[in-house]
Protein backbone atom coordinates (compact mmCIF):
# COMPACT_ATOMS: atom_id res chain seq x y z
CA UNK A 1 111.96 105.44 118.63
CA UNK A 2 111.24 102.69 115.97
CA UNK A 3 114.75 103.07 114.60
CA UNK A 4 116.23 102.91 118.05
CA UNK A 5 114.26 99.71 118.39
CA UNK A 6 115.63 98.28 115.22
CA UNK A 7 119.17 99.20 116.11
CA UNK A 8 118.74 97.43 119.50
CA UNK A 9 117.20 94.34 117.72
CA UNK A 10 120.30 94.01 115.71
CA UNK A 11 122.67 94.37 118.59
CA UNK A 12 120.76 91.76 120.57
CA UNK A 13 120.72 89.62 117.43
CA UNK A 14 124.60 89.74 116.80
CA UNK A 15 125.77 89.61 120.49
CA UNK A 16 123.38 87.38 121.91
CA UNK A 17 122.07 85.05 119.26
CA UNK A 18 125.19 84.62 117.14
CA UNK A 19 123.58 86.40 114.07
CA UNK A 20 126.25 87.74 111.62
CA UNK A 21 126.10 91.50 110.97
CA UNK A 22 125.67 90.65 107.33
CA UNK A 23 122.58 88.46 107.91
CA UNK A 24 121.10 91.08 110.36
CA UNK A 25 121.38 93.78 107.64
CA UNK A 26 120.02 91.51 104.88
CA UNK A 27 117.10 90.51 107.09
CA UNK A 28 116.37 94.26 107.55
CA UNK A 29 116.45 94.95 103.89
CA UNK A 30 114.13 91.90 103.29
CA UNK A 31 111.70 93.23 105.85
CA UNK A 32 111.63 96.71 104.37
CA UNK A 33 110.92 95.27 100.97
CA UNK A 34 108.24 92.91 102.48
CA UNK A 35 106.54 95.93 104.19
CA UNK A 36 105.65 97.67 100.79
CA UNK A 37 102.15 96.27 101.05
CA UNK A 38 101.45 98.28 104.17
CA UNK A 39 104.08 100.94 104.17
CA UNK A 40 103.29 102.13 100.69
CA UNK A 41 99.70 101.61 101.28
CA UNK A 42 99.89 104.03 104.11
CA UNK A 43 101.94 106.32 102.06
CA UNK A 44 99.70 106.64 99.03
CA UNK A 45 96.48 106.32 101.00
CA UNK A 46 97.45 109.42 103.00
CA UNK A 47 98.08 111.31 99.74
CA UNK A 48 94.56 110.33 98.40
CA UNK A 49 92.83 111.32 101.57
CA UNK A 50 94.80 114.50 101.90
CA UNK A 51 93.91 115.46 98.39
CA UNK A 52 90.14 114.77 99.06
CA UNK A 53 90.46 116.67 102.31
CA UNK A 54 91.89 119.84 101.00
CA UNK A 55 89.81 119.74 97.73
CA UNK A 56 86.58 119.62 99.75
CA UNK A 57 85.57 116.04 98.72
CA UNK A 58 85.64 114.72 102.11
CA UNK A 59 83.48 117.71 103.30
CA UNK A 60 80.99 116.95 100.59
CA UNK A 61 80.80 113.25 101.38
CA UNK A 62 80.37 113.76 105.09
CA UNK A 63 77.74 116.44 104.47
CA UNK A 64 75.68 113.79 102.68
CA UNK A 65 76.11 111.23 105.35
CA UNK A 66 75.04 113.76 108.05
CA UNK A 67 71.89 114.27 106.07
CA UNK A 68 70.81 110.46 106.07
CA UNK A 69 71.61 109.55 109.70
CA UNK A 70 68.66 110.40 112.01
CA UNK A 71 68.70 108.79 115.43
CA UNK A 72 71.83 109.18 117.62
CA UNK A 73 72.45 105.40 117.78
CA UNK A 74 71.76 105.20 114.01
CA UNK A 75 74.49 107.70 113.36
CA UNK A 76 76.92 105.60 115.42
CA UNK A 77 76.00 102.45 113.59
CA UNK A 78 76.07 104.00 110.06
CA UNK A 79 78.91 106.21 110.33
CA UNK A 80 81.23 104.09 112.48
CA UNK A 81 80.37 100.52 111.83
CA UNK A 82 79.01 100.65 108.35
CA UNK A 83 80.65 103.52 106.62
CA UNK A 84 83.83 103.28 108.91
CA UNK A 85 84.30 99.62 107.97
CA UNK A 86 83.84 100.39 104.38
CA UNK A 87 86.32 103.44 104.64
CA UNK A 88 89.18 101.52 106.43
CA UNK A 89 88.68 98.54 104.09
CA UNK A 90 89.46 100.74 100.89
CA UNK A 91 92.51 102.13 102.79
CA UNK A 92 90.86 105.55 103.83
CA UNK A 93 91.18 106.76 107.54
CA UNK A 94 88.02 107.15 109.53
CA UNK A 95 90.10 108.44 112.49
CA UNK A 96 90.85 111.63 110.43
CA UNK A 97 87.71 111.81 108.51
CA UNK A 98 84.94 111.13 110.99
CA UNK A 99 85.69 113.07 114.28
CA UNK A 100 84.57 116.27 112.85
CA UNK A 101 81.29 114.91 111.76
CA UNK A 102 80.69 113.26 115.31
CA UNK A 103 81.34 116.71 116.93
CA UNK A 104 79.09 118.54 114.59
CA UNK A 105 76.36 115.89 115.36
CA UNK A 106 76.58 116.67 119.03
CA UNK A 107 78.81 114.01 120.47
CA UNK A 108 81.34 114.84 123.24
CA UNK A 109 85.01 115.21 122.16
CA UNK A 110 85.90 111.87 123.80
CA UNK A 111 83.22 110.05 121.90
CA UNK A 112 84.01 111.91 118.74
CA UNK A 113 87.54 110.50 119.01
CA UNK A 114 86.85 107.14 120.43
CA UNK A 115 84.00 106.02 118.11
CA UNK A 116 86.19 106.41 114.82
CA UNK A 117 89.01 104.61 116.58
CA UNK A 118 86.74 101.74 117.38
CA UNK A 119 85.35 102.02 113.95
CA UNK A 120 88.75 100.79 112.84
CA UNK A 121 88.22 97.52 114.61
CA UNK A 122 84.94 95.77 113.38
CA UNK A 123 86.60 93.87 110.29
CA UNK A 124 89.99 93.59 111.87
CA UNK A 125 92.14 91.75 109.56
CA UNK A 126 90.07 92.82 106.46
CA UNK A 127 91.03 96.47 106.67
CA UNK A 128 93.41 98.16 104.03
CA UNK A 129 92.23 95.61 101.26
CA UNK A 130 93.03 92.78 103.86
CA UNK A 131 96.84 93.72 103.71
CA UNK A 132 97.13 92.34 107.50
CA UNK A 133 96.26 88.88 106.01
CA UNK A 134 97.90 89.00 102.55
CA UNK A 135 101.33 90.60 103.63
CA UNK A 136 102.06 87.71 106.28
CA UNK A 137 100.90 85.28 103.89
CA UNK A 138 103.18 86.47 101.22
CA UNK A 139 106.16 86.83 103.45
CA UNK A 140 105.83 83.46 105.18
CA UNK A 141 104.20 81.35 102.36
CA UNK A 142 100.96 80.22 103.82
CA UNK A 143 97.34 80.42 102.20
CA UNK A 144 95.74 83.90 102.79
CA UNK A 145 92.38 82.51 102.36
CA UNK A 146 92.88 80.04 105.28
CA UNK A 147 93.82 82.72 107.59
CA UNK A 148 90.99 84.83 106.29
CA UNK A 149 88.45 82.16 106.89
CA UNK A 150 89.63 81.53 110.36
CA UNK A 151 89.65 85.38 111.27
CA UNK A 152 85.99 85.52 109.78
CA UNK A 153 84.88 83.04 112.31
CA UNK A 154 85.43 85.34 115.05
CA UNK A 155 83.76 88.48 113.67
CA UNK A 156 80.01 87.93 114.30
CA UNK A 157 80.85 88.05 118.01
CA UNK A 158 83.62 90.65 117.91
CA UNK A 159 81.95 93.04 115.45
CA UNK A 160 78.61 92.89 117.32
CA UNK A 161 80.65 93.51 120.61
CA UNK A 162 82.26 96.50 119.07
CA UNK A 163 78.89 97.95 117.89
CA UNK A 164 77.50 97.58 121.51
CA UNK A 165 80.92 98.90 122.91
CA UNK A 166 80.38 102.02 120.68
CA UNK A 167 76.92 102.64 122.17
CA UNK A 168 78.29 102.22 125.57
CA UNK A 169 81.21 104.68 124.96
CA UNK A 170 79.01 107.24 123.64
CA UNK A 171 75.87 107.05 125.91
CA UNK A 172 76.56 104.43 128.55
CA UNK A 173 74.00 101.69 129.18
CA UNK A 174 71.15 104.01 128.26
CA UNK A 175 72.82 104.00 124.78
CA UNK A 176 72.99 100.35 124.62
CA UNK A 177 69.20 100.04 125.73
CA UNK A 178 68.20 102.44 122.99
CA UNK A 179 70.35 100.98 120.07
CA UNK A 180 70.70 97.33 121.07
CA UNK A 181 68.83 96.06 118.15
CA UNK A 182 70.29 98.30 115.48
CA UNK A 183 73.82 97.32 116.99
CA UNK A 184 73.17 93.49 116.76
CA UNK A 185 71.82 93.82 113.31
CA UNK A 186 75.11 96.01 112.41
CA UNK A 187 77.48 93.63 114.01
CA UNK A 188 75.98 90.37 112.93
CA UNK A 189 75.64 91.63 109.28
CA UNK A 190 79.25 92.75 109.19
CA UNK A 191 80.52 89.39 110.69
CA UNK A 192 78.40 86.97 108.74
CA UNK A 193 78.92 88.98 105.36
CA UNK A 194 82.63 88.70 105.95
CA UNK A 195 82.19 84.82 106.46
CA UNK A 196 80.10 84.71 103.24
CA UNK A 197 82.32 86.86 101.10
CA UNK A 198 85.73 85.25 102.16
CA UNK A 199 84.14 81.93 100.82
CA UNK A 200 82.40 83.45 97.76
CA UNK A 201 85.05 85.65 96.45
CA UNK A 202 88.20 83.92 94.71
CA UNK A 203 91.50 83.93 96.64
CA UNK A 204 92.82 86.69 94.88
CA UNK A 205 89.93 88.96 95.74
CA UNK A 206 90.28 88.53 99.54
CA UNK A 207 91.04 92.25 99.61
CA UNK A 208 87.34 93.05 98.65
CA UNK A 209 85.84 91.12 101.67
CA UNK A 210 85.80 94.16 103.81
CA UNK A 211 84.62 96.43 101.13
CA UNK A 212 81.44 94.25 100.30
CA UNK A 213 80.84 93.55 103.98
CA UNK A 214 80.84 97.11 104.71
CA UNK A 215 78.46 98.12 101.94
CA UNK A 216 76.02 95.21 102.85
CA UNK A 217 76.01 96.50 106.41
CA UNK A 218 75.15 100.04 105.25
CA UNK A 219 72.52 98.70 103.27
CA UNK A 220 71.04 96.49 106.00
CA UNK A 221 70.88 99.56 108.40
CA UNK A 222 69.05 101.68 105.77
CA UNK A 223 66.68 98.80 105.23
CA UNK A 224 66.16 98.51 109.02
CA UNK A 225 65.46 102.25 109.17
CA UNK A 226 62.93 102.19 106.29
CA UNK A 227 60.91 99.13 107.78
CA UNK A 228 60.91 100.87 111.12
CA UNK A 229 59.39 104.19 109.57
CA UNK A 230 56.66 102.10 107.89
CA UNK A 231 55.78 100.36 111.05
CA UNK A 232 55.96 103.57 113.05
CA UNK A 233 54.96 106.76 110.92
CA UNK A 234 55.78 109.02 113.62
CA UNK A 235 59.32 108.02 112.94
CA UNK A 236 60.68 110.36 110.20
CA UNK A 237 63.71 110.10 107.77
CA UNK A 238 66.10 112.92 108.37
CA UNK A 239 65.39 115.63 105.83
CA UNK A 240 67.85 116.07 102.91
CA UNK A 241 70.03 119.15 103.43
CA UNK A 242 70.13 121.80 100.76
CA UNK A 243 73.39 121.58 98.76
CA UNK A 244 74.66 125.14 98.38
CA UNK A 245 75.03 126.35 94.64
CA UNK A 246 78.49 125.43 93.43
CA UNK A 247 79.01 122.55 95.62
CA UNK A 248 80.90 119.57 94.38
CA UNK A 249 78.58 116.81 93.08
CA UNK A 250 78.57 113.75 95.22
CA UNK A 251 79.74 111.50 92.40
CA UNK A 252 82.80 113.75 91.91
CA UNK A 253 83.70 113.86 95.67
CA UNK A 254 83.65 110.05 95.77
CA UNK A 255 85.35 109.42 92.38
CA UNK A 256 88.83 108.50 93.80
CA UNK A 257 87.19 105.62 95.98
CA UNK A 258 84.75 104.67 92.95
CA UNK A 259 88.04 104.08 90.97
CA UNK A 260 89.85 102.24 93.72
CA UNK A 261 86.97 99.80 94.27
CA UNK A 262 86.72 99.26 90.53
CA UNK A 263 90.45 98.79 90.10
CA UNK A 264 90.45 96.26 93.08
CA UNK A 265 87.69 94.15 91.52
CA UNK A 266 89.47 94.16 88.30
CA UNK A 267 92.89 93.31 89.55
CA UNK A 268 91.46 90.41 91.69
CA UNK A 269 90.67 88.50 88.36
CA UNK A 270 93.42 85.80 87.77
CA UNK A 271 93.90 86.34 84.01
CA UNK A 272 94.29 90.01 84.72
CA UNK A 273 96.70 89.41 87.63
CA UNK A 274 98.81 87.19 85.41
CA UNK A 275 98.97 89.75 82.76
CA UNK A 276 99.97 92.55 85.18
CA UNK A 277 102.61 90.50 86.69
CA UNK A 278 104.19 89.52 83.39
CA UNK A 279 104.67 93.18 82.40
CA UNK A 280 107.63 93.52 84.85
CA UNK A 281 108.25 89.80 85.44
CA UNK A 282 111.55 88.94 86.85
CA UNK A 283 112.65 92.75 87.18
CA UNK A 284 110.45 92.90 90.29
CA UNK A 285 112.00 89.96 92.05
CA UNK A 286 114.60 91.10 94.44
CA UNK A 287 117.51 88.84 95.63
CA UNK A 288 118.12 89.70 99.16
CA UNK A 289 120.88 87.19 100.48
CA UNK A 290 121.68 83.71 99.96
CA UNK A 291 118.96 82.69 97.60
CA UNK A 292 116.35 84.58 99.74
CA UNK A 293 114.02 86.58 97.33
CA UNK A 294 111.26 89.08 97.81
CA UNK A 295 108.84 89.25 94.95
CA UNK A 296 107.37 92.79 94.94
CA UNK A 297 104.55 92.04 92.37
CA UNK A 298 104.42 95.86 91.91
CA UNK A 299 101.51 96.15 89.51
CA UNK A 300 99.35 93.47 91.39
CA UNK A 301 99.59 95.53 94.64
CA UNK A 302 96.74 97.57 96.15
CA UNK A 303 98.98 100.44 96.90
CA UNK A 304 99.76 100.89 93.21
CA UNK A 305 96.22 101.17 92.34
CA UNK A 306 95.68 103.60 95.15
CA UNK A 307 98.28 105.76 93.72
CA UNK A 308 96.83 105.31 90.21
CA UNK A 309 93.17 106.20 91.41
CA UNK A 310 94.75 109.33 92.97
CA UNK A 311 96.58 110.50 89.94
CA UNK A 312 93.65 110.05 87.64
CA UNK A 313 91.22 111.89 90.21
CA UNK A 314 93.71 114.68 90.68
CA UNK A 315 92.75 116.79 87.55
CA UNK A 316 89.01 116.35 88.40
CA UNK A 317 89.57 117.58 92.06
CA UNK A 318 92.40 119.84 92.25
CA UNK A 319 91.42 123.52 91.19
CA UNK A 320 94.90 125.36 91.19
CA UNK A 321 98.68 124.81 91.40
CA UNK A 322 98.85 126.33 94.80
CA UNK A 323 96.24 123.96 95.93
CA UNK A 324 98.46 120.86 94.42
CA UNK A 325 101.43 122.34 96.41
CA UNK A 326 99.50 122.51 99.65
CA UNK A 327 98.31 118.85 99.14
CA UNK A 328 101.87 117.68 98.55
CA UNK A 329 103.38 119.64 101.48
CA UNK A 330 100.78 118.36 103.92
CA UNK A 331 101.11 114.86 102.68
CA UNK A 332 104.82 114.76 103.23
CA UNK A 333 104.22 116.18 106.60
CA UNK A 334 101.74 113.54 107.54
CA UNK A 335 103.02 110.45 105.75
CA UNK A 336 106.72 110.09 106.51
CA UNK A 337 106.46 108.95 110.10
CA UNK A 338 103.91 106.15 109.74
CA UNK A 339 105.42 104.97 106.41
CA UNK A 340 108.82 104.60 108.19
CA UNK A 341 107.42 103.08 111.24
CA UNK A 342 105.94 100.36 109.18
CA UNK A 343 109.01 99.78 107.35
CA UNK A 344 111.15 99.63 110.55
CA UNK A 345 108.79 97.20 112.38
CA UNK A 346 108.95 94.84 109.47
CA UNK A 347 112.72 95.02 109.64
CA UNK A 348 112.74 94.12 113.29
CA UNK A 349 110.40 91.21 112.68
CA UNK A 350 112.69 89.85 109.88
CA UNK A 351 115.91 90.36 112.09
CA UNK A 352 114.14 88.30 114.87
CA UNK A 353 113.14 85.58 112.32
CA UNK A 354 116.61 85.39 110.72
CA UNK A 355 118.43 85.53 114.01
CA UNK A 356 120.67 82.53 114.87
CA UNK A 357 121.23 81.75 111.15
CA UNK A 358 124.26 81.99 108.84
CA UNK A 359 125.20 81.56 105.23
CA UNK A 360 126.45 77.89 104.73
CA UNK A 361 127.19 76.72 101.13
CA UNK A 362 125.35 79.69 99.63
CA UNK A 363 122.17 79.07 101.60
CA UNK A 364 120.78 80.82 104.60
CA UNK A 365 120.19 78.14 107.29
CA UNK A 366 120.24 77.72 110.92
CA UNK A 367 123.65 77.23 112.38
CA UNK A 368 124.25 73.66 113.39
CA UNK A 369 123.31 73.23 116.95
CA UNK A 370 121.97 76.74 117.58
CA UNK A 371 118.32 76.28 116.62
CA UNK A 372 117.33 77.31 120.13
CA UNK A 373 119.15 80.80 119.57
CA UNK A 374 116.55 81.94 117.31
CA UNK A 375 114.84 84.93 118.84
CA UNK A 376 111.45 83.79 117.97
CA UNK A 377 112.07 80.29 119.18
CA UNK A 378 113.30 81.50 122.58
CA UNK A 379 110.29 84.03 123.14
CA UNK A 380 107.75 81.32 121.79
CA UNK A 381 109.17 78.59 123.90
CA UNK A 382 109.03 80.73 127.00
CA UNK A 383 105.63 81.86 126.48
CA UNK A 384 104.54 78.28 126.02
CA UNK A 385 106.25 77.14 129.22
CA UNK A 386 104.90 79.94 131.20
CA UNK A 387 101.25 79.88 130.34
CA UNK A 388 101.07 76.22 129.49
CA UNK A 389 97.53 74.97 128.58
CA UNK A 390 96.42 78.62 129.26
CA UNK A 391 98.16 80.00 126.13
CA UNK A 392 95.30 80.12 123.87
CA UNK A 393 93.17 82.04 126.37
CA UNK A 394 95.97 84.69 126.62
CA UNK A 395 97.41 84.66 123.12
CA UNK A 396 95.14 87.33 121.65
CA UNK A 397 96.50 89.66 124.17
CA UNK A 398 99.85 89.47 122.15
CA UNK A 399 97.89 90.78 119.18
CA UNK A 400 96.90 93.94 121.09
CA UNK A 401 100.42 94.35 122.51
CA UNK A 402 101.86 94.13 119.16
CA UNK A 403 99.50 96.51 117.32
CA UNK A 404 99.70 98.98 120.51
CA UNK A 405 103.64 98.92 120.17
CA UNK A 406 103.81 99.25 116.40
CA UNK A 407 100.65 101.01 115.54
CA UNK A 408 99.54 98.51 112.96
CA UNK A 409 98.03 94.99 112.94
CA UNK A 410 99.92 94.00 109.95
CA UNK A 411 103.20 94.59 111.68
CA UNK A 412 102.00 92.72 114.67
CA UNK A 413 101.03 89.90 112.60
CA UNK A 414 104.52 89.76 110.89
CA UNK A 415 106.37 90.36 114.18
CA UNK A 416 104.61 87.55 116.08
CA UNK A 417 104.37 84.94 113.34
CA UNK A 418 107.64 82.96 114.24
CA UNK A 419 106.93 83.36 118.10
CA UNK A 420 103.45 81.86 117.77
CA UNK A 421 104.52 79.11 115.46
CA UNK A 422 107.07 77.93 118.17
CA UNK A 423 104.61 78.25 120.91
CA UNK A 424 101.85 76.26 119.04
CA UNK A 425 104.45 73.72 117.92
CA UNK A 426 105.58 73.22 121.69
CA UNK A 427 102.06 72.88 122.82
CA UNK A 428 100.94 70.92 119.89
CA UNK A 429 98.18 73.34 118.96
CA UNK A 430 96.74 73.99 115.65
CA UNK A 431 98.53 77.24 114.43
CA UNK A 432 96.24 78.70 112.17
CA UNK A 433 93.21 79.44 114.68
CA UNK A 434 95.79 80.67 117.21
CA UNK A 435 97.47 83.14 114.74
CA UNK A 436 93.89 84.24 113.63
CA UNK A 437 92.98 84.98 117.24
CA UNK A 438 96.11 86.99 117.37
CA UNK A 439 95.26 88.89 114.36
CA UNK A 440 91.77 89.72 115.65
CA UNK A 441 93.41 90.94 118.97
CA UNK A 442 95.67 93.16 116.77
CA UNK A 443 92.55 94.58 115.07
CA UNK A 444 90.79 95.26 118.35
CA UNK A 445 93.83 97.20 119.51
CA UNK A 446 93.05 99.90 117.13
CA UNK A 447 90.68 101.27 119.56
CA UNK A 448 93.50 101.96 122.03
CA UNK A 449 96.34 102.58 119.52
CA UNK A 450 97.99 105.87 120.64
CA UNK A 451 98.74 106.94 117.06
CA UNK A 452 95.23 106.59 115.89
CA UNK A 453 93.82 108.32 118.95
CA UNK A 454 96.38 111.24 118.46
CA UNK A 455 95.40 111.71 114.77
CA UNK A 456 91.60 111.77 115.69
CA UNK A 457 92.05 114.11 118.52
CA UNK A 458 94.28 116.43 116.20
CA UNK A 459 91.68 116.93 113.66
CA UNK A 460 89.13 118.40 116.19
CA UNK A 461 91.93 120.45 118.03
CA UNK A 462 91.42 118.28 121.25
CA UNK A 463 95.09 117.24 121.82
CA UNK A 464 95.40 116.21 125.44
CA UNK A 465 92.40 113.98 125.83
CA UNK A 466 94.14 110.88 124.67
CA UNK A 467 94.20 109.35 128.30
CA UNK A 468 90.47 109.95 128.76
CA UNK A 469 89.94 108.24 125.37
CA UNK A 470 92.07 105.14 126.34
CA UNK A 471 90.46 104.93 129.74
CA UNK A 472 87.02 104.84 128.20
CA UNK A 473 87.90 102.39 125.29
CA UNK A 474 90.32 100.12 127.21
CA UNK A 475 87.42 98.21 128.90
CA UNK A 476 85.78 97.27 125.59
CA UNK A 477 88.92 96.33 124.15
CA UNK A 478 89.93 94.00 126.95
CA UNK A 479 86.51 92.38 127.20
CA UNK A 480 86.52 91.54 123.50
CA UNK A 481 90.14 90.31 123.70
CA UNK A 482 88.92 87.91 126.40
CA UNK A 483 85.97 86.71 124.30
CA UNK A 484 88.47 86.15 121.47
CA UNK A 485 90.55 83.95 123.63
CA UNK A 486 87.52 82.09 125.18
CA UNK A 487 86.36 81.54 121.45
CA UNK A 488 89.77 80.32 120.48
CA UNK A 489 89.78 77.83 123.30
CA UNK A 490 86.42 76.47 122.12
CA UNK A 491 87.64 76.03 118.59
CA UNK A 492 90.67 74.28 119.58
CA UNK A 493 88.64 71.96 121.75
CA UNK A 494 86.05 71.19 118.97
């Protein structure tokens, strides 16, 4: 379907927006190259998670987590807010890892699917080592830290709302009553940690904001649990489960993630970034058309180090050649579709952005007198005229729409960049807060994204409950999107 959408976009751009076929194809190629930060991240992350899954590393890690979460609401907060945020920040997939644990802990199938999907949300744009922020920044040439700082301002409210929403999804208002304090601590810790780290860390290390925020939240929840036990001796810490003889050591099971976090810290150091870039130098700069280039920065990208951490860990985890073949086979089966989808949606975004342009004197510029024929300009102007002063209130909904359609916040952020730029220009609004609210809306959409819900349902053999999950989660997503719009309006007024 994504490929059909790309072909239709090219047809519309050529016939109705006076875009030459050569420019449309060049734009598609530029989009595919620019997508590598997310598409190859998806590709290699699925390889790593598949290896950890089939070798028993995931099972060992999750068994340990089950042994340290006691009360039901604590299990939800530790697994889906703290640990889930950490997992998605380093590129892992809680929607395929956590549902079996939630089922084993006694949660209903709907809750077991819905909670990890919501657990994709609390840090919104700081997932996947912050590629929803860094990829648009690289593609359109703005400051990633500026967007990250704007996104982080929404998180204390949105992260807390998602934590409370998880309790409601699992156990209704009774769940909120029992776990209210824990959810407030988890959400506020996650949100304010993101604000802190986005300012403390260098701009080159913005990908670590989610990693550190997730770890701080986990620590805060365990500290809260310890203090509660001291005040109320009748509350007991969950007993440690006996590890069967011959089980994989915990350090070994987590070794790929330990390596990945270590690499992410190292490559965030400016002098090391410069050294890595110089290894390939101009060889990684691709000229697309008429002076337009895409700098791949291959050795500086998180996806490269996901692959390196996986390859280094493989001899430690993989026990036989047959197991290796099984990992590769399942990886190719799982990975091709989301990888292709990410590439195609970037191609669509670039065709829309380059529409109405032509090559004049060796440069790609808007054809004289046809600025209004750019697809993004037309859509942005239409939205601005239709919603008027109410546009900031409804603009985060575009983030939900884009992520729901594309399955990725990053793709949504790229697709709507030009549209929002035009809308804010017409309405004389500050672009970055509006774009940040859109990104937050795209992150919230993970809770209702069909692709993620299907993946979560499949791993517990409950395909067919997707509609029930969406009906359960949709009120949470819509309320938080409305709150995001209200917060944006307040920010723009102030």
